[in-house]
Amino acid sequence: MSVMMIRTQVRPDRVADVEAAVQKTFAAIEAAQPQGVRYASTKLADGVTFVVLLELAGEVGPGDNPLNAIPEFAEMQANLKEWLAGPPTAEPLQVVGSYRLFGD
């Protein structure tokens, strides 16, 4: 299992665009039901910082992310460069304990 935390700040004038794209993307993910993936997008209280959690099952490598095959996900990723206030930071997480948030 691989778990990543991606943190990024969005330009204040683009927050609504990001939220709409996230909702569209999650609807597409729900319809596609990709295997080996757990994915969540959250927004912090400042209103412009988003934190994404991505878990890929043990048999799925980072280059094999099933989300990349979903057109809405690819479209959202392509638009990020216009929406972000700065580059995102990605950090691998080591799960020490979890209750139903992460698999296994």
Protein backbone atom coordinates (compact mmCIF):
# COMPACT_ATOMS: atom_id res chain seq x y z
CA MET A 1 0.00 0.00 0.00
CA SER A 2 1.25 3.44 -0.96
CA VAL A 3 -0.30 6.52 0.67
CA MET A 4 0.45 10.07 -0.46
CA MET A 5 -0.60 13.43 0.91
CA ILE A 6 -0.67 16.25 -1.62
CA ARG A 7 -1.05 19.76 -0.29
CA THR A 8 -1.60 22.80 -2.46
CA GLN A 9 -2.87 26.34 -2.34
CA VAL A 10 -5.37 27.52 -4.92
CA ARG A 11 -5.67 31.07 -6.18
CA PRO A 12 -8.62 32.60 -4.28
CA ASP A 13 -10.40 33.52 -7.51
CA ARG A 14 -10.23 29.87 -8.69
CA VAL A 15 -11.50 28.03 -5.60
CA ALA A 16 -15.00 27.64 -7.10
CA ASP A 17 -13.45 26.20 -10.30
CA VAL A 18 -11.45 23.67 -8.29
CA GLU A 19 -14.43 22.65 -6.19
CA ALA A 20 -16.58 22.15 -9.31
CA ALA A 21 -13.83 20.09 -10.96
CA VAL A 22 -13.40 17.97 -7.81
CA GLN A 23 -17.13 17.24 -7.67
CA LYS A 24 -17.19 16.32 -11.37
CA THR A 25 -14.11 14.14 -10.94
CA PHE A 26 -15.46 12.30 -7.91
CA ALA A 27 -18.75 11.61 -9.73
CA ALA A 28 -16.72 10.06 -12.57
CA ILE A 29 -14.59 8.05 -10.12
CA GLU A 30 -17.73 6.77 -8.41
CA ALA A 31 -19.12 5.70 -11.80
CA ALA A 32 -15.86 4.04 -12.90
CA GLN A 33 -15.21 2.24 -9.58
CA PRO A 34 -11.44 1.87 -10.16
CA GLN A 35 -9.84 -0.95 -8.20
CA GLY A 36 -6.85 -0.49 -5.92
CA VAL A 37 -7.47 3.21 -5.20
CA ARG A 38 -8.76 5.26 -2.30
CA TYR A 39 -8.87 9.00 -2.86
CA ALA A 40 -10.11 12.01 -0.91
CA SER A 41 -9.93 15.75 -1.42
CA THR A 42 -10.31 18.12 1.52
CA LYS A 43 -10.16 21.88 2.02
CA LEU A 44 -8.66 23.55 5.08
CA ALA A 45 -10.32 26.35 7.05
CA ASP A 46 -8.32 29.05 5.22
CA GLY A 47 -10.49 28.31 2.17
CA VAL A 48 -7.61 28.06 -0.31
CA THR A 49 -5.51 25.13 0.90
CA PHE A 50 -6.49 21.70 -0.36
CA VAL A 51 -5.15 18.42 1.02
CA VAL A 52 -5.55 15.28 -1.05
CA LEU A 53 -5.03 11.76 0.29
CA LEU A 54 -4.31 9.04 -2.23
CA GLU A 55 -3.88 5.36 -1.43
CA LEU A 56 -2.82 2.91 -4.09
CA ALA A 57 -3.11 -0.79 -3.25
CA GLY A 58 0.10 -2.80 -3.04
CA GLU A 59 -0.18 -4.11 -6.57
CA VAL A 60 -0.70 -0.61 -8.04
CA GLY A 61 2.44 1.47 -8.59
CA PRO A 62 2.44 5.30 -8.71
CA GLY A 63 2.89 5.22 -12.50
CA ASP A 64 -0.11 2.89 -12.78
CA ASN A 65 -2.60 5.13 -10.98
CA PRO A 66 -6.03 4.00 -12.26
CA LEU A 67 -7.34 7.55 -11.87
CA ASN A 68 -5.23 8.61 -14.86
CA ALA A 69 -7.59 6.63 -17.12
CA ILE A 70 -10.59 8.71 -16.04
CA PRO A 71 -11.05 11.67 -18.44
CA GLU A 72 -12.42 14.00 -15.76
CA PHE A 73 -9.39 13.35 -13.56
CA ALA A 74 -7.02 14.06 -16.46
CA GLU A 75 -8.93 17.25 -17.30
CA MET A 76 -8.72 18.45 -13.69
CA GLN A 77 -4.98 17.71 -13.56
CA ALA A 78 -4.44 19.66 -16.81
CA ASN A 79 -6.22 22.72 -15.39
CA LEU A 80 -4.32 22.79 -12.10
CA LYS A 81 -1.46 24.92 -13.46
CA GLU A 82 -3.94 27.78 -13.99
CA TRP A 83 -5.68 27.30 -10.66
CA LEU A 84 -2.79 26.89 -8.23
CA ALA A 85 -1.07 29.70 -6.33
CA GLY A 86 2.16 27.67 -6.19
CA PRO A 87 3.51 24.20 -6.75
CA PRO A 88 1.91 21.36 -4.80
CA THR A 89 3.88 19.38 -2.26
CA ALA A 90 3.56 15.61 -2.19
CA GLU A 91 4.67 13.53 0.74
CA PRO A 92 4.52 9.78 1.23
CA LEU A 93 2.75 8.80 4.44
CA GLN A 94 3.44 5.75 6.53
CA VAL A 95 0.18 4.52 8.05
CA VAL A 96 0.74 3.75 11.71
CA GLY A 97 -2.90 3.23 12.60
CA SER A 98 -6.20 3.58 10.80
CA TYR A 99 -9.83 2.67 11.32
CA ARG A 100 -11.38 2.09 7.88
CA LEU A 101 -9.70 5.12 6.34
CA PHE A 102 -7.04 3.12 4.56
CA GLY A 103 -7.28 -0.46 3.26
CA ASP A 104 -5.87 -3.47 5.05
